[in-house]
Amino acid sequence: MPFYDYRCQTCRRRARLFFTYGEYDTAQPTCPHCHSSAMQRVIGRVALGKSEEARFDDMADDSLMAGLDEEDPRALGQFMRKMSREMGEDLGDEFHEVVDRLEKGESPDDIEAAMPELAGGESSFADDDFGM
């Protein structure tokens, strides 16, 4: 639907107005609150779609890791959460638990000790699968 966002320059309130595509060029928007015609178009947030290849290319950029303190569990957790959002896939409950614990400041060693299955104990890949 062709809704357009405006801000009234008189009462400073926002309004979303409907115009057909044909009406938009000649429309004279009026504030529904104070009836002023001093309206300014507000451009909303724009979302850009990225291909999977573009997302992976962005993640390979070394500048993403610039300033990352690998000794700070909170920073590591935030980085991991950002990367999971970039991937666009749900990585499961265990991943979210690890990230939550890192963001609370728990050390990776303590998390690994509390969750031994993460170290490969219940992995779906056995060492034999790789000739080890």
C-alpha atoms as a PDB file:
ATOM      1  CA  MET A   1       0.000   0.000   0.000  1.00  0.00           C
ATOM      2  CA  PRO A   2       1.354   3.455  -0.830  1.00  0.00           C
ATOM      3  CA  PHE A   3       1.517   5.006   2.627  1.00  0.00           C
ATOM      4  CA  TYR A   4       3.896   7.918   3.124  1.00  0.00           C
ATOM      5  CA  ASP A   5       5.333   9.255   6.375  1.00  0.00           C
ATOM      6  CA  TYR A   6       5.346  12.990   7.088  1.00  0.00           C
ATOM      7  CA  ARG A   7       6.256  15.282   9.961  1.00  0.00           C
ATOM      8  CA  CYS A   8       4.185  18.389  10.545  1.00  0.00           C
ATOM      9  CA  GLN A   9       6.406  21.472  10.780  1.00  0.00           C
ATOM     10  CA  THR A  10       3.746  23.241  12.889  1.00  0.00           C
ATOM     11  CA  CYS A  11       2.884  20.705  15.617  1.00  0.00           C
ATOM     12  CA  ARG A  12       5.973  18.451  15.065  1.00  0.00           C
ATOM     13  CA  ARG A  13       3.837  15.282  15.076  1.00  0.00           C
ATOM     14  CA  ARG A  14       4.287  12.442  12.627  1.00  0.00           C
ATOM     15  CA  ALA A  15       1.563  11.232  10.324  1.00  0.00           C
ATOM     16  CA  ARG A  16       1.257   8.363   7.860  1.00  0.00           C
ATOM     17  CA  LEU A  17      -0.822   9.399   4.868  1.00  0.00           C
ATOM     18  CA  PHE A  18      -2.220   7.345   2.012  1.00  0.00           C
ATOM     19  CA  PHE A  19      -1.920   8.490  -1.592  1.00  0.00           C
ATOM     20  CA  THR A  20      -2.232   6.420  -4.720  1.00  0.00           C
ATOM     21  CA  TYR A  21       0.836   6.446  -6.921  1.00  0.00           C
ATOM     22  CA  GLY A  22      -0.973   8.737  -9.340  1.00  0.00           C
ATOM     23  CA  GLU A  23      -1.946  11.209  -6.589  1.00  0.00           C
ATOM     24  CA  TYR A  24       1.496  11.410  -4.961  1.00  0.00           C
ATOM     25  CA  ASP A  25       3.024  13.951  -7.382  1.00  0.00           C
ATOM     26  CA  THR A  26       0.170  16.435  -6.969  1.00  0.00           C
ATOM     27  CA  ALA A  27      -0.921  15.649  -3.395  1.00  0.00           C
ATOM     28  CA  GLN A  28      -1.075  18.449  -0.830  1.00  0.00           C
ATOM     29  CA  PRO A  29      -0.591  16.618   2.492  1.00  0.00           C
ATOM     30  CA  THR A  30      -2.386  18.059   5.492  1.00  0.00           C
ATOM     31  CA  CYS A  31      -1.652  17.262   9.126  1.00  0.00           C
ATOM     32  CA  PRO A  32      -4.488  15.179  10.588  1.00  0.00           C
ATOM     33  CA  HIS A  33      -3.713  16.628  14.044  1.00  0.00           C
ATOM     34  CA  CYS A  34      -3.537  20.413  13.518  1.00  0.00           C
ATOM     35  CA  HIS A  35      -4.645  20.632   9.849  1.00  0.00           C
ATOM     36  CA  SER A  36      -1.497  22.503   8.813  1.00  0.00           C
ATOM     37  CA  SER A  37      -0.203  22.064   5.283  1.00  0.00           C
ATOM     38  CA  ALA A  38       3.405  22.536   6.439  1.00  0.00           C
ATOM     39  CA  MET A  39       4.283  18.861   6.037  1.00  0.00           C
ATOM     40  CA  GLN A  40       7.723  17.432   5.352  1.00  0.00           C
ATOM     41  CA  ARG A  41       8.227  13.940   3.948  1.00  0.00           C
ATOM     42  CA  VAL A  42      10.115  11.583   6.278  1.00  0.00           C
ATOM     43  CA  ILE A  43      12.045   8.777   4.653  1.00  0.00           C
ATOM     44  CA  GLY A  44      11.824   5.586   6.683  1.00  0.00           C
ATOM     45  CA  ARG A  45      14.417   2.954   7.319  1.00  0.00           C
ATOM     46  CA  VAL A  46      15.573   1.034   4.278  1.00  0.00           C
ATOM     47  CA  ALA A  47      16.397  -2.677   4.346  1.00  0.00           C
ATOM     48  CA  LEU A  48      18.763  -4.161   1.814  1.00  0.00           C
ATOM     49  CA  GLY A  49      18.646  -7.815   0.955  1.00  0.00           C
ATOM     50  CA  LYS A  50      21.961  -9.634   0.622  1.00  0.00           C
ATOM     51  CA  SER A  51      22.728 -12.890  -1.060  1.00  0.00           C
ATOM     52  CA  GLU A  52      24.252 -15.666   1.019  1.00  0.00           C
ATOM     53  CA  GLU A  53      27.524 -15.158  -0.849  1.00  0.00           C
ATOM     54  CA  ALA A  54      27.550 -11.436  -0.004  1.00  0.00           C
ATOM     55  CA  ARG A  55      26.875 -12.173   3.683  1.00  0.00           C
ATOM     56  CA  PHE A  56      29.788 -14.636   3.805  1.00  0.00           C
ATOM     57  CA  ASP A  57      32.033 -12.152   1.997  1.00  0.00           C
ATOM     58  CA  ASP A  58      31.153  -9.525   4.623  1.00  0.00           C
ATOM     59  CA  MET A  59      31.958 -11.960   7.439  1.00  0.00           C
ATOM     60  CA  ALA A  60      35.362 -12.687   5.885  1.00  0.00           C
ATOM     61  CA  ASP A  61      36.318  -9.012   6.209  1.00  0.00           C
ATOM     62  CA  ASP A  62      39.176  -8.819   8.731  1.00  0.00           C
ATOM     63  CA  SER A  63      38.032  -5.378   9.888  1.00  0.00           C
ATOM     64  CA  LEU A  64      35.093  -7.050  11.676  1.00  0.00           C
ATOM     65  CA  MET A  65      37.574  -8.495  14.142  1.00  0.00           C
ATOM     66  CA  ALA A  66      39.488  -5.233  14.589  1.00  0.00           C
ATOM     67  CA  GLY A  67      39.403  -4.271  18.238  1.00  0.00           C
ATOM     68  CA  LEU A  68      37.960  -7.633  19.331  1.00  0.00           C
ATOM     69  CA  ASP A  69      39.504  -8.512  22.691  1.00  0.00           C
ATOM     70  CA  GLU A  70      39.661 -12.300  22.628  1.00  0.00           C
ATOM     71  CA  GLU A  71      40.267 -12.286  26.380  1.00  0.00           C
ATOM     72  CA  ASP A  72      36.927 -10.527  27.024  1.00  0.00           C
ATOM     73  CA  PRO A  73      34.091 -13.097  27.093  1.00  0.00           C
ATOM     74  CA  ARG A  74      31.454 -10.368  26.702  1.00  0.00           C
ATOM     75  CA  ALA A  75      33.057  -9.054  23.505  1.00  0.00           C
ATOM     76  CA  LEU A  76      33.427 -12.603  22.194  1.00  0.00           C
ATOM     77  CA  GLY A  77      29.750 -13.340  22.900  1.00  0.00           C
ATOM     78  CA  GLN A  78      28.633 -10.147  21.158  1.00  0.00           C
ATOM     79  CA  PHE A  79      30.799 -10.997  18.145  1.00  0.00           C
ATOM     80  CA  MET A  80      29.349 -14.521  17.979  1.00  0.00           C
ATOM     81  CA  ARG A  81      25.785 -13.172  18.186  1.00  0.00           C
ATOM     82  CA  LYS A  82      26.504 -10.674  15.394  1.00  0.00           C
ATOM     83  CA  MET A  83      27.930 -13.405  13.175  1.00  0.00           C
ATOM     84  CA  SER A  84      24.905 -15.659  13.791  1.00  0.00           C
ATOM     85  CA  ARG A  85      22.579 -12.811  12.737  1.00  0.00           C
ATOM     86  CA  GLU A  86      24.648 -12.312   9.587  1.00  0.00           C
ATOM     87  CA  MET A  87      24.310 -16.000   8.767  1.00  0.00           C
ATOM     88  CA  GLY A  88      20.545 -15.711   9.086  1.00  0.00           C
ATOM     89  CA  GLU A  89      20.144 -19.182  10.550  1.00  0.00           C
ATOM     90  CA  ASP A  90      19.168 -20.377  13.995  1.00  0.00           C
ATOM     91  CA  LEU A  91      22.209 -22.182  15.371  1.00  0.00           C
ATOM     92  CA  GLY A  92      20.286 -23.934  18.132  1.00  0.00           C
ATOM     93  CA  ASP A  93      19.740 -23.753  21.854  1.00  0.00           C
ATOM     94  CA  GLU A  94      23.295 -24.757  22.811  1.00  0.00           C
ATOM     95  CA  PHE A  95      24.754 -21.940  20.727  1.00  0.00           C
ATOM     96  CA  HIS A  96      22.398 -19.405  22.314  1.00  0.00           C
ATOM     97  CA  GLU A  97      23.237 -20.697  25.784  1.00  0.00           C
ATOM     98  CA  VAL A  98      26.970 -20.347  25.139  1.00  0.00           C
ATOM     99  CA  VAL A  99      26.554 -16.827  23.749  1.00  0.00           C
ATOM    100  CA  ASP A 100      24.304 -15.800  26.662  1.00  0.00           C
ATOM    101  CA  ARG A 101      26.869 -17.095  29.158  1.00  0.00           C
ATOM    102  CA  LEU A 102      29.725 -15.328  27.358  1.00  0.00           C
ATOM    103  CA  GLU A 103      27.794 -12.059  27.321  1.00  0.00           C
ATOM    104  CA  LYS A 104      27.330 -12.402  31.085  1.00  0.00           C
ATOM    105  CA  GLY A 105      31.117 -12.615  31.432  1.00  0.00           C
ATOM    106  CA  GLU A 106      31.587 -16.344  31.989  1.00  0.00           C
ATOM    107  CA  SER A 107      34.900 -17.635  30.674  1.00  0.00           C
ATOM    108  CA  PRO A 108      34.958 -20.003  27.678  1.00  0.00           C
ATOM    109  CA  ASP A 109      36.875 -22.564  29.786  1.00  0.00           C
ATOM    110  CA  ASP A 110      34.154 -22.554  32.460  1.00  0.00           C
ATOM    111  CA  ILE A 111      31.440 -22.928  29.809  1.00  0.00           C
ATOM    112  CA  GLU A 112      33.278 -25.830  28.187  1.00  0.00           C
ATOM    113  CA  ALA A 113      33.685 -27.540  31.563  1.00  0.00           C
ATOM    114  CA  ALA A 114      29.964 -27.129  32.305  1.00  0.00           C
ATOM    115  CA  MET A 115      28.935 -28.311  28.822  1.00  0.00           C
ATOM    116  CA  PRO A 116      31.290 -31.182  27.916  1.00  0.00           C
ATOM    117  CA  GLU A 117      29.088 -32.229  24.984  1.00  0.00           C
ATOM    118  CA  LEU A 118      30.329 -29.112  23.159  1.00  0.00           C
ATOM    119  CA  ALA A 119      33.859 -30.503  23.122  1.00  0.00           C
ATOM    120  CA  GLY A 120      32.767 -33.320  20.821  1.00  0.00           C
ATOM    121  CA  GLY A 121      31.329 -35.864  23.219  1.00  0.00           C
ATOM    122  CA  GLU A 122      27.975 -35.966  21.419  1.00  0.00           C
ATOM    123  CA  SER A 123      29.007 -34.696  18.007  1.00  0.00           C
ATOM    124  CA  SER A 124      27.262 -36.123  14.985  1.00  0.00           C
ATOM    125  CA  PHE A 125      30.708 -36.612  13.368  1.00  0.00           C
ATOM    126  CA  ALA A 126      32.880 -39.360  14.745  1.00  0.00           C
ATOM    127  CA  ASP A 127      36.677 -39.152  14.492  1.00  0.00           C
ATOM    128  CA  ASP A 128      36.505 -42.202  12.197  1.00  0.00           C
ATOM    129  CA  ASP A 129      34.569 -40.114   9.642  1.00  0.00           C
ATOM    130  CA  PHE A 130      37.744 -38.171   8.986  1.00  0.00           C
ATOM    131  CA  GLY A 131      40.202 -41.057   9.068  1.00  0.00           C
ATOM    132  CA  MET A 132      41.427 -40.257  12.586  1.00  0.00           C
END
